[in-house]
Amino acid sequence: MILNSASYRDPLGQVYEKNDKIYRKVLNNHKSFIEKFISSNFYIENQKQNIIKTKFVDPKDFIQKNSDSKVFWLEHEKINFITYPHEWGFETLKQVAIFHLNLQKQALKNGYTIKDSSPYNVQFKNGNPVFIDFLSFDEYKEGSYWVAYKQFCKNFLNPLLIKSYTGIDHNQFFRGAIDGIGSELTSNILPKSSWLSFNCLSHVHLPAWAEKKINSTSKNLLRKPKSGISSHNLIALWDSLISFIQKLKVKKKSYWGDYENNTSYNNESTDLKDTLVGKYIHENNLKTVLDLGCNTGRYSRIAFKNSANHVIGLDIDGTAIDKANLDKDLKTKEFIGLQFDLMNPSPKIGWRNQERLTLWERLPNIDGIICLALIHHICIGKNVPLSEFINFLCSIANNILIEFVPKSDPMVKGLLAHREDIFKEYNEEHFQAKLQDNKMNFSIHEIKGSTRKLYECKIK
């Protein structure tokens, strides 16, 4: 049994993995609630899509030694790929925020509440959000506060406002603040125009002002609240937040957001490239695919049309990733697009640098990689040696489709326009030699009307 590195904060129970299955150990004093919850109409209706499928299990079936009599065990459906909020684009974070509030509303109407608002409690299945933290549900008591309000603002509302009002990506803030972005920092970042918004004023600026008035010696910290809030007013608050968040948009255009419609390829070259990508996926029977530099998801869509079951798209551009995740074809598939910088990837963060893992540690087994129009940005734009980049790709999968972009290409000329060409080994001959060093067989596909070539590579 392997204890999940992020499962240590809740005293009620911990999550374990064994034989590719997910188990949760829970204290017996919570058993009657779980029995009631699992048999409730709320759970039965939502476990089909919104809440992770869960059942009671006998520990004798998977634990050899005698189980602790003070606990009981649950088994959860496994999510094959866990993602983190600092990897989500704006639209994905927005989707999860609205999902969380709607689930809160449904829970309340059925006599339950969700006692925290951690975005890590929501993952994706078949392109849709699903709530995975079973122990976050609790019985609702009329007149209770929304105890997770501040956490919701820090993890959802504040980062969305920063991106919407300023165009600044929220991702780096999340990586530096695992528990979310506080009101004071958000208030300082937002422009003066945000003070004219009632929601910004009430959820950000006024709380930030109040926080400045409180310090460790403040007597107000010792006072208990005199009264709570009615269920009617809670639902009104959540409806107000849903309406506000739905209207948030990113006004600033990005550099790569419209790249799919403005490439250096003509129509004939584009069609040929599409055909080669589809053939590569189909003939190699690739089911789980990593699309590096996926942009708006063109080749991810082609992968699904040619036998792929699961595609993970990575791209540094938030606008492009948002377009991919909103794509009508990809939304119905097991696709997730992540805003991700290969030069500054997700690190281990949290308690003892073990609570949240790197993306490479979380990836499922990858059958094949699509790596198109990317190598020059990494090897020339970011000075990564060609051999290092190829070693990196080979460490992930045995099948790789990579587009080699020569120095004669207009994009590479642009990268070198204002700097010295120190990349003497960046050429096709050296590229092929490095593929051979990694024991790769490869076939070369020339693209008519372009100096670029597609290399279909397979480790021997």
Protein backbone atom coordinates (compact mmCIF):
# COMPACT_ATOMS: atom_id res chain seq x y z
CA MET A 1 0.00 0.00 0.00
CA ILE A 2 1.39 3.38 -1.01
CA LEU A 3 0.15 6.43 0.88
CA ASN A 4 -0.80 9.29 -1.43
CA SER A 5 1.67 12.12 -0.80
CA ALA A 6 -1.12 14.73 -0.67
CA SER A 7 -3.31 12.76 1.73
CA TYR A 8 -2.15 13.77 5.18
CA ARG A 9 -4.13 16.86 6.18
CA ASP A 10 -7.52 15.29 6.89
CA PRO A 11 -7.57 13.47 10.25
CA LEU A 12 -10.65 11.49 9.15
CA GLY A 13 -8.83 9.41 6.57
CA GLN A 14 -6.00 8.88 4.08
CA VAL A 15 -5.79 7.73 0.48
CA TYR A 16 -3.67 4.76 -0.62
CA GLU A 17 -2.85 3.06 -3.92
CA LYS A 18 -2.29 -0.64 -4.49
CA ASN A 19 -2.35 -2.71 -7.68
CA ASP A 20 -3.56 0.28 -9.69
CA LYS A 21 -6.55 0.78 -7.38
CA ILE A 22 -7.38 3.69 -5.08
CA TYR A 23 -8.42 3.04 -1.47
CA ARG A 24 -9.34 5.36 1.38
CA LYS A 25 -8.96 4.47 5.05
CA VAL A 26 -11.55 6.26 7.20
CA LEU A 27 -12.13 6.41 10.96
CA ASN A 28 -15.11 4.39 12.17
CA ASN A 29 -16.79 7.40 13.80
CA HIS A 30 -17.53 8.65 10.27
CA LYS A 31 -19.01 5.38 8.98
CA SER A 32 -22.68 6.11 9.67
CA PHE A 33 -22.43 9.39 7.74
CA ILE A 34 -20.73 7.71 4.75
CA GLU A 35 -23.36 4.95 4.71
CA LYS A 36 -26.10 7.56 4.67
CA PHE A 37 -24.32 9.67 2.05
CA ILE A 38 -23.65 6.79 -0.37
CA SER A 39 -27.31 5.72 -0.21
CA SER A 40 -28.61 9.28 -0.71
CA ASN A 41 -30.31 10.37 -3.93
CA PHE A 42 -27.81 13.22 -4.14
CA TYR A 43 -24.85 10.86 -4.37
CA ILE A 44 -26.60 8.26 -6.54
CA GLU A 45 -27.50 10.91 -9.11
CA ASN A 46 -24.10 12.62 -9.07
CA GLN A 47 -21.78 9.60 -8.98
CA LYS A 48 -22.60 9.00 -12.64
CA GLN A 49 -20.62 12.11 -13.58
CA ASN A 50 -19.98 14.77 -10.90
CA ILE A 51 -18.69 12.79 -7.90
CA ILE A 52 -16.10 10.02 -8.01
CA LYS A 53 -17.63 6.52 -7.93
CA THR A 54 -17.06 5.02 -4.48
CA LYS A 55 -17.95 1.81 -2.67
CA PHE A 56 -17.27 0.06 0.63
CA VAL A 57 -14.65 -2.72 0.44
CA ASP A 58 -13.44 -5.46 2.73
CA PRO A 59 -9.76 -4.87 3.65
CA LYS A 60 -9.19 -8.63 3.70
CA ASP A 61 -9.32 -8.53 -0.09
CA PHE A 62 -6.23 -6.32 -0.42
CA ILE A 63 -4.47 -6.22 2.97
CA GLN A 64 -2.60 -9.34 4.03
CA LYS A 65 -2.19 -8.43 7.70
CA ASN A 66 -5.13 -7.82 10.04
CA SER A 67 -6.79 -4.48 9.40
CA ASP A 68 -7.18 -1.87 12.14
CA SER A 69 -10.62 -2.35 13.74
CA LYS A 70 -10.89 1.40 14.29
CA VAL A 71 -11.20 2.12 10.57
CA PHE A 72 -13.18 1.09 7.49
CA TRP A 73 -12.18 1.18 3.82
CA LEU A 74 -13.57 2.70 0.64
CA GLU A 75 -12.52 2.13 -2.95
CA HIS A 76 -12.65 5.03 -5.41
CA GLU A 77 -12.64 4.92 -9.18
CA LYS A 78 -9.13 5.78 -10.35
CA ILE A 79 -8.47 8.99 -12.31
CA ASN A 80 -5.65 8.10 -14.68
CA PHE A 81 -4.07 11.54 -14.81
CA ILE A 82 -4.08 14.02 -11.92
CA THR A 83 -3.67 17.69 -12.86
CA TYR A 84 -3.05 20.76 -10.73
CA PRO A 85 -4.66 24.23 -10.85
CA HIS A 86 -1.35 25.93 -11.65
CA GLU A 87 -1.41 23.90 -14.90
CA TRP A 88 -4.96 24.86 -15.87
CA GLY A 89 -5.75 27.62 -18.30
CA PHE A 90 -8.17 30.42 -17.47
CA GLU A 91 -11.21 28.69 -18.97
CA THR A 92 -10.47 25.43 -17.15
CA LEU A 93 -10.14 27.18 -13.78
CA LYS A 94 -13.34 29.05 -14.55
CA GLN A 95 -15.12 25.80 -15.44
CA VAL A 96 -14.02 24.17 -12.18
CA ALA A 97 -15.07 27.21 -10.12
CA ILE A 98 -18.59 27.13 -11.57
CA PHE A 99 -18.72 23.34 -11.21
CA HIS A 100 -17.78 23.63 -7.53
CA LEU A 101 -20.44 26.26 -6.81
CA ASN A 102 -23.15 24.29 -8.62
CA LEU A 103 -22.20 21.15 -6.70
CA GLN A 104 -22.37 23.18 -3.47
CA LYS A 105 -25.90 24.25 -4.39
CA GLN A 106 -27.01 20.71 -5.15
CA ALA A 107 -25.46 19.43 -1.93
CA LEU A 108 -27.21 22.07 0.18
CA LYS A 109 -30.60 21.32 -1.34
CA ASN A 110 -30.08 17.71 -0.26
CA GLY A 111 -28.94 18.51 3.27
CA TYR A 112 -25.18 18.42 2.68
CA THR A 113 -22.35 20.90 2.39
CA ILE A 114 -18.81 20.85 0.99
CA LYS A 115 -16.54 21.98 3.78
CA ASP A 116 -13.58 23.09 1.69
CA SER A 117 -12.92 24.69 -1.70
CA SER A 118 -9.59 23.20 -2.73
CA PRO A 119 -9.22 23.06 -6.53
CA TYR A 120 -7.10 19.93 -6.05
CA ASN A 121 -10.34 18.14 -5.09
CA VAL A 122 -11.56 18.40 -8.67
CA GLN A 123 -10.10 16.36 -11.53
CA PHE A 124 -11.22 15.50 -15.06
CA LYS A 125 -12.89 12.45 -16.56
CA ASN A 126 -13.95 12.33 -20.22
CA GLY A 127 -13.32 16.05 -20.43
CA ASN A 128 -15.63 16.88 -17.52
CA PRO A 129 -14.82 17.90 -13.93
CA VAL A 130 -15.39 15.32 -11.21
CA PHE A 131 -15.17 15.82 -7.43
CA ILE A 132 -12.77 13.32 -5.85
CA ASP A 133 -12.53 14.20 -2.15
CA PHE A 134 -15.29 12.13 -0.56
CA LEU A 135 -14.55 13.35 2.96
CA SER A 136 -15.19 16.98 2.02
CA PHE A 137 -18.93 16.35 2.22
CA ASP A 138 -20.65 16.91 5.56
CA GLU A 139 -24.15 17.38 6.92
CA TYR A 140 -25.51 20.89 6.56
CA LYS A 141 -26.82 22.71 9.61
CA GLU A 142 -29.21 25.57 9.00
CA GLY A 143 -27.60 28.91 9.78
CA SER A 144 -24.06 27.66 9.17
CA TYR A 145 -21.43 29.81 7.54
CA TRP A 146 -19.85 28.96 4.21
CA VAL A 147 -16.64 27.94 5.93
CA ALA A 148 -14.84 27.49 2.61
CA TYR A 149 -15.61 31.02 1.35
CA LYS A 150 -12.13 32.45 1.88
CA GLN A 151 -10.54 29.35 0.37
CA PHE A 152 -12.80 29.67 -2.69
CA CYS A 153 -11.76 33.28 -3.18
CA LYS A 154 -8.06 32.46 -2.83
CA ASN A 155 -8.13 29.46 -5.17
CA PHE A 156 -10.73 30.43 -7.76
CA LEU A 157 -12.07 33.97 -7.72
CA ASN A 158 -8.82 35.88 -7.11
CA PRO A 159 -6.72 34.15 -9.80
CA LEU A 160 -9.57 34.48 -12.30
CA LEU A 161 -9.87 38.20 -11.57
CA ILE A 162 -6.14 38.76 -11.95
CA LYS A 163 -6.14 37.09 -15.37
CA SER A 164 -9.36 38.75 -16.53
CA TYR A 165 -8.52 42.31 -15.40
CA THR A 166 -4.78 42.40 -16.08
CA GLY A 167 -4.00 39.58 -18.53
CA ILE A 168 -1.37 38.27 -16.08
CA ASP A 169 -1.34 34.46 -15.98
CA HIS A 170 -2.44 33.06 -12.64
CA ASN A 171 -0.32 29.92 -13.02
CA GLN A 172 2.93 31.18 -11.53
CA PHE A 173 1.09 32.62 -8.52
CA PHE A 174 -0.38 29.21 -7.75
CA ARG A 175 2.99 27.53 -7.90
CA GLY A 176 4.34 30.00 -5.40
CA ALA A 177 1.27 29.85 -3.15
CA ILE A 178 -0.08 26.32 -2.87
CA ASP A 179 -3.05 27.46 -0.76
CA GLY A 180 -4.11 30.19 -3.17
CA ILE A 181 -3.75 33.92 -3.80
CA GLY A 182 -4.79 36.17 -0.91
CA SER A 183 -7.11 39.17 -1.04
CA GLU A 184 -4.42 41.72 -0.18
CA LEU A 185 -2.13 40.69 -3.02
CA THR A 186 -5.06 40.48 -5.45
CA SER A 187 -6.30 43.92 -4.42
CA ASN A 188 -2.86 45.41 -5.03
CA ILE A 189 -2.64 43.80 -8.49
CA LEU A 190 -6.11 44.68 -9.78
CA PRO A 191 -6.52 48.04 -11.57
CA LYS A 192 -8.44 50.97 -10.10
CA SER A 193 -11.38 50.20 -12.42
CA SER A 194 -12.04 47.02 -10.43
CA TRP A 195 -13.16 49.17 -7.48
CA LEU A 196 -16.24 50.05 -9.56
CA SER A 197 -17.29 46.40 -9.60
CA PHE A 198 -19.52 45.42 -6.66
CA ASN A 199 -18.17 41.85 -6.72
CA CYS A 200 -14.53 42.94 -6.75
CA LEU A 201 -15.24 45.42 -3.99
CA SER A 202 -17.10 42.97 -1.75
CA HIS A 203 -15.01 39.82 -2.38
CA VAL A 204 -11.53 41.32 -2.79
CA HIS A 205 -10.97 44.95 -1.84
CA LEU A 206 -13.00 45.12 1.38
CA PRO A 207 -11.62 41.80 2.70
CA ALA A 208 -8.11 43.05 1.84
CA TRP A 209 -8.77 46.28 3.75
CA ALA A 210 -10.06 44.26 6.73
CA GLU A 211 -7.01 41.98 6.69
CA LYS A 212 -4.74 45.00 6.97
CA LYS A 213 -6.53 46.01 10.16
CA ILE A 214 -5.90 42.68 11.84
CA ASN A 215 -2.66 41.46 13.36
CA SER A 216 -1.63 38.64 15.69
CA THR A 217 -2.67 40.61 18.80
CA SER A 218 -6.12 41.62 17.54
CA LYS A 219 -8.84 40.76 20.06
CA ASN A 220 -11.35 40.28 17.22
CA LEU A 221 -9.63 37.00 16.37
CA LEU A 222 -10.88 35.55 19.65
CA ARG A 223 -14.52 36.49 19.11
CA LYS A 224 -16.93 33.88 17.85
CA PRO A 225 -19.41 34.89 15.10
CA LYS A 226 -22.78 35.90 16.54
CA SER A 227 -24.88 34.38 13.75
CA GLY A 228 -24.60 32.39 10.54
CA ILE A 229 -26.28 32.72 7.18
CA SER A 230 -29.51 31.14 5.99
CA SER A 231 -29.54 28.48 3.28
CA HIS A 232 -31.58 30.84 1.11
CA ASN A 233 -28.88 33.52 1.34
CA LEU A 234 -26.11 30.97 0.74
CA ILE A 235 -27.70 29.90 -2.52
CA ALA A 236 -28.17 33.55 -3.49
CA LEU A 237 -24.47 34.17 -2.81
CA TRP A 238 -23.42 31.18 -4.93
CA ASP A 239 -25.78 32.21 -7.74
CA SER A 240 -24.29 35.70 -7.66
CA LEU A 241 -20.75 34.32 -7.86
CA ILE A 242 -21.67 31.94 -10.70
CA SER A 243 -23.19 34.80 -12.70
CA PHE A 244 -20.15 37.01 -12.09
CA ILE A 245 -17.58 34.32 -12.94
CA GLN A 246 -19.43 33.28 -16.10
CA LYS A 247 -19.03 36.82 -17.43
CA LEU A 248 -15.28 37.02 -16.79
CA LYS A 249 -13.24 37.02 -19.98
CA VAL A 250 -9.60 37.48 -20.99
CA LYS A 251 -9.33 40.68 -22.99
CA LYS A 252 -5.64 40.51 -23.87
CA LYS A 253 -4.75 38.58 -27.05
CA SER A 254 -1.78 36.22 -26.97
CA TYR A 255 1.00 35.68 -29.50
CA TRP A 256 0.16 32.06 -30.33
CA GLY A 257 -3.61 32.15 -29.84
CA ASP A 258 -4.36 32.22 -33.58
CA TYR A 259 -1.32 30.30 -34.81
CA GLU A 260 -3.38 27.44 -36.28
CA ASN A 261 -4.85 29.84 -38.85
CA ASN A 262 -1.56 31.65 -39.55
CA THR A 263 1.15 29.01 -40.02
CA SER A 264 3.92 28.99 -42.62
CA TYR A 265 2.28 26.06 -44.41
CA ASN A 266 0.11 26.30 -47.53
CA ASN A 267 -3.10 24.28 -47.77
CA GLU A 268 -1.44 21.37 -49.56
CA SER A 269 1.33 21.11 -46.97
CA THR A 270 -1.18 21.36 -44.13
CA ASP A 271 -3.30 18.53 -45.57
CA LEU A 272 -0.23 16.32 -46.03
CA LYS A 273 0.92 16.98 -42.47
CA ASP A 274 -2.57 16.12 -41.16
CA THR A 275 -2.51 12.85 -43.10
CA LEU A 276 0.94 11.90 -41.80
CA VAL A 277 -0.07 12.57 -38.20
CA GLY A 278 -3.22 10.48 -38.54
CA LYS A 279 -1.30 7.63 -40.18
CA TYR A 280 1.34 7.69 -37.43
CA ILE A 281 -1.31 7.39 -34.69
CA HIS A 282 -3.33 4.69 -36.48
CA GLU A 283 -0.55 2.44 -37.73
CA ASN A 284 1.20 2.42 -34.34
CA ASN A 285 -2.11 1.90 -32.52
CA LEU A 286 -1.32 4.71 -30.08
CA LYS A 287 -3.99 4.96 -27.37
CA THR A 288 -2.50 7.46 -24.91
CA VAL A 289 -0.79 10.37 -26.63
CA LEU A 290 1.18 13.39 -25.39
CA ASP A 291 0.82 16.38 -27.71
CA LEU A 292 3.73 18.75 -26.99
CA GLY A 293 3.12 22.28 -28.17
CA CYS A 294 -0.49 21.34 -28.90
CA ASN A 295 -1.62 24.94 -29.54
CA THR A 296 -5.40 24.88 -30.12
CA GLY A 297 -5.57 21.09 -30.44
CA ARG A 298 -5.52 20.46 -34.20
CA TYR A 299 -3.37 17.33 -33.98
CA SER A 300 -5.05 16.16 -30.80
CA ARG A 301 -8.31 16.07 -32.77
CA ILE A 302 -6.61 14.09 -35.51
CA ALA A 303 -5.21 11.67 -32.91
CA PHE A 304 -8.72 10.91 -31.62
CA LYS A 305 -9.96 10.31 -35.16
CA ASN A 306 -7.22 7.70 -35.60
CA SER A 307 -7.66 5.36 -32.60
CA ALA A 308 -6.34 7.44 -29.68
CA ASN A 309 -8.39 7.17 -26.47
CA HIS A 310 -6.62 9.74 -24.30
CA VAL A 311 -4.67 12.84 -25.31
CA ILE A 312 -2.79 15.22 -23.01
CA GLY A 313 -1.94 18.53 -24.63
CA LEU A 314 0.76 20.87 -23.31
CA ASP A 315 1.33 24.43 -24.49
CA ILE A 316 2.82 27.55 -22.97
CA ASP A 317 0.14 29.83 -24.43
CA GLY A 318 -2.95 30.25 -22.25
CA THR A 319 -5.22 31.49 -25.04
CA ALA A 320 -4.34 28.53 -27.24
CA ILE A 321 -4.94 26.08 -24.39
CA ASP A 322 -8.30 27.69 -23.61
CA LYS A 323 -9.34 27.28 -27.24
CA ALA A 324 -8.29 23.62 -27.17
CA ASN A 325 -10.25 22.89 -23.98
CA LEU A 326 -13.33 24.67 -25.35
CA ASP A 327 -13.16 22.88 -28.71
CA LYS A 328 -16.50 21.16 -29.37
CA ASP A 329 -14.86 17.92 -30.55
CA LEU A 330 -12.25 17.70 -27.78
CA LYS A 331 -14.75 18.51 -25.03
CA THR A 332 -16.43 15.15 -25.58
CA LYS A 333 -13.16 13.19 -25.46
CA GLU A 334 -10.65 12.17 -22.79
CA PHE A 335 -8.64 15.33 -23.49
CA ILE A 336 -7.04 17.84 -21.16
CA GLY A 337 -4.99 20.79 -22.33
CA LEU A 338 -2.57 22.22 -19.79
CA GLN A 339 -0.80 25.59 -19.79
CA PHE A 340 2.71 24.34 -19.35
CA ASP A 341 6.23 25.68 -19.87
CA LEU A 342 8.72 22.93 -20.71
CA MET A 343 11.52 25.22 -19.58
CA ASN A 344 9.86 25.84 -16.23
CA PRO A 345 7.80 22.70 -15.53
CA SER A 346 5.66 21.92 -12.51
CA PRO A 347 7.99 21.23 -9.58
CA LYS A 348 7.40 19.28 -6.40
CA ILE A 349 5.71 21.66 -3.98
CA GLY A 350 3.94 21.65 -0.63
CA TRP A 351 4.83 19.89 2.58
CA ARG A 352 8.43 18.59 2.44
CA ASN A 353 8.27 19.13 -1.33
CA GLN A 354 6.24 15.93 -1.60
CA GLU A 355 2.62 17.06 -1.40
CA ARG A 356 2.28 17.86 -5.11
CA LEU A 357 4.37 15.99 -7.66
CA THR A 358 5.98 16.96 -10.96
CA LEU A 359 3.94 16.44 -14.08
CA TRP A 360 6.40 13.80 -15.28
CA GLU A 361 5.72 11.76 -12.13
CA ARG A 362 1.96 12.00 -12.68
CA LEU A 363 1.81 11.18 -16.38
CA PRO A 364 0.16 7.88 -17.28
CA ASN A 365 2.05 5.51 -19.56
CA ILE A 366 2.45 7.38 -22.84
CA ASP A 367 2.22 5.32 -26.04
CA GLY A 368 3.39 8.08 -28.33
CA ILE A 369 4.39 11.73 -28.59
CA ILE A 370 3.39 14.34 -31.15
CA CYS A 371 6.07 17.03 -31.18
CA LEU A 372 5.46 19.41 -34.06
CA ALA A 373 6.84 22.92 -34.65
CA LEU A 374 8.52 22.89 -31.24
CA ILE A 375 12.15 21.76 -31.48
CA HIS A 376 13.50 25.12 -32.70
CA HIS A 377 11.79 27.03 -29.88
CA ILE A 378 13.44 24.78 -27.29
CA CYS A 379 16.87 24.21 -28.85
CA ILE A 380 17.43 27.67 -30.34
CA GLY A 381 14.96 29.88 -28.52
CA LYS A 382 15.91 28.43 -25.10
CA ASN A 383 19.45 27.13 -25.75
CA VAL A 384 18.67 23.50 -24.88
CA PRO A 385 21.19 21.18 -26.61
CA LEU A 386 19.68 19.03 -29.32
CA SER A 387 20.85 15.86 -27.58
CA GLU A 388 19.17 16.94 -24.32
CA PHE A 389 15.84 17.52 -26.03
CA ILE A 390 15.90 14.15 -27.77
CA ASN A 391 16.89 12.40 -24.54
CA PHE A 392 13.93 14.07 -22.86
CA LEU A 393 11.48 12.83 -25.49
CA CYS A 394 12.89 9.31 -25.34
CA SER A 395 12.46 9.25 -21.57
CA ILE A 396 8.68 9.57 -22.01
CA ALA A 397 7.72 7.28 -24.89
CA ASN A 398 9.06 4.79 -27.43
CA ASN A 399 7.11 6.29 -30.33
CA ILE A 400 7.79 9.89 -31.30
CA LEU A 401 6.64 11.98 -34.25
CA ILE A 402 8.90 15.02 -34.35
CA GLU A 403 9.09 17.84 -36.84
CA PHE A 404 12.61 19.00 -37.62
CA VAL A 405 12.73 22.71 -38.45
CA PRO A 406 15.99 23.70 -40.22
CA LYS A 407 17.80 27.01 -39.96
CA SER A 408 16.55 27.95 -43.41
CA ASP A 409 12.98 28.05 -42.05
CA PRO A 410 11.51 31.58 -41.62
CA MET A 411 10.67 30.90 -37.96
CA VAL A 412 14.24 29.90 -37.15
CA LYS A 413 15.59 32.90 -39.04
CA GLY A 414 13.36 35.04 -36.86
CA LEU A 415 14.76 33.44 -33.70
CA LEU A 416 18.32 34.14 -34.89
CA ALA A 417 17.67 37.61 -36.30
CA HIS A 418 19.01 39.53 -33.30
CA ARG A 419 21.53 37.10 -31.83
CA GLU A 420 24.66 35.26 -32.78
CA ASP A 421 24.21 31.77 -34.20
CA ILE A 422 26.02 29.66 -31.61
CA PHE A 423 24.07 26.52 -32.51
CA LYS A 424 26.61 24.74 -34.67
CA GLU A 425 25.18 21.31 -33.87
CA TYR A 426 21.64 22.30 -34.75
CA ASN A 427 21.41 20.61 -38.14
CA GLU A 428 19.73 17.57 -39.61
CA GLU A 429 22.87 15.42 -39.67
CA HIS A 430 23.47 15.92 -35.95
CA PHE A 431 19.75 15.44 -35.27
CA GLN A 432 19.80 12.03 -36.98
CA ALA A 433 22.97 11.04 -35.13
CA LYS A 434 21.35 11.81 -31.78
CA LEU A 435 18.31 9.74 -32.71
CA GLN A 436 20.63 6.83 -33.47
CA ASP A 437 22.45 7.37 -30.15
CA ASN A 438 19.10 6.72 -28.48
CA LYS A 439 18.71 3.48 -30.46
CA MET A 440 15.87 4.84 -32.55
CA ASN A 441 14.76 3.68 -35.96
CA PHE A 442 13.27 6.49 -37.99
CA SER A 443 11.60 7.22 -41.29
CA ILE A 444 11.59 10.66 -42.87
CA HIS A 445 8.58 12.34 -44.47
CA GLU A 446 9.23 15.41 -46.57
CA ILE A 447 6.49 18.02 -46.71
CA LYS A 448 5.96 19.51 -50.16
CA GLY A 449 6.25 23.28 -50.14
CA SER A 450 8.23 23.34 -46.89
CA THR A 451 11.82 22.85 -45.75
CA ARG A 452 10.54 21.08 -42.64
CA LYS A 453 10.46 17.30 -42.31
CA LEU A 454 8.54 14.87 -40.12
CA TYR A 455 10.56 12.15 -38.44
CA GLU A 456 8.63 9.09 -37.33
CA CYS A 457 10.82 7.54 -34.64
CA LYS A 458 10.63 4.29 -32.71
CA ILE A 459 13.03 2.92 -30.11
CA LYS A 460 14.43 -0.41 -31.30
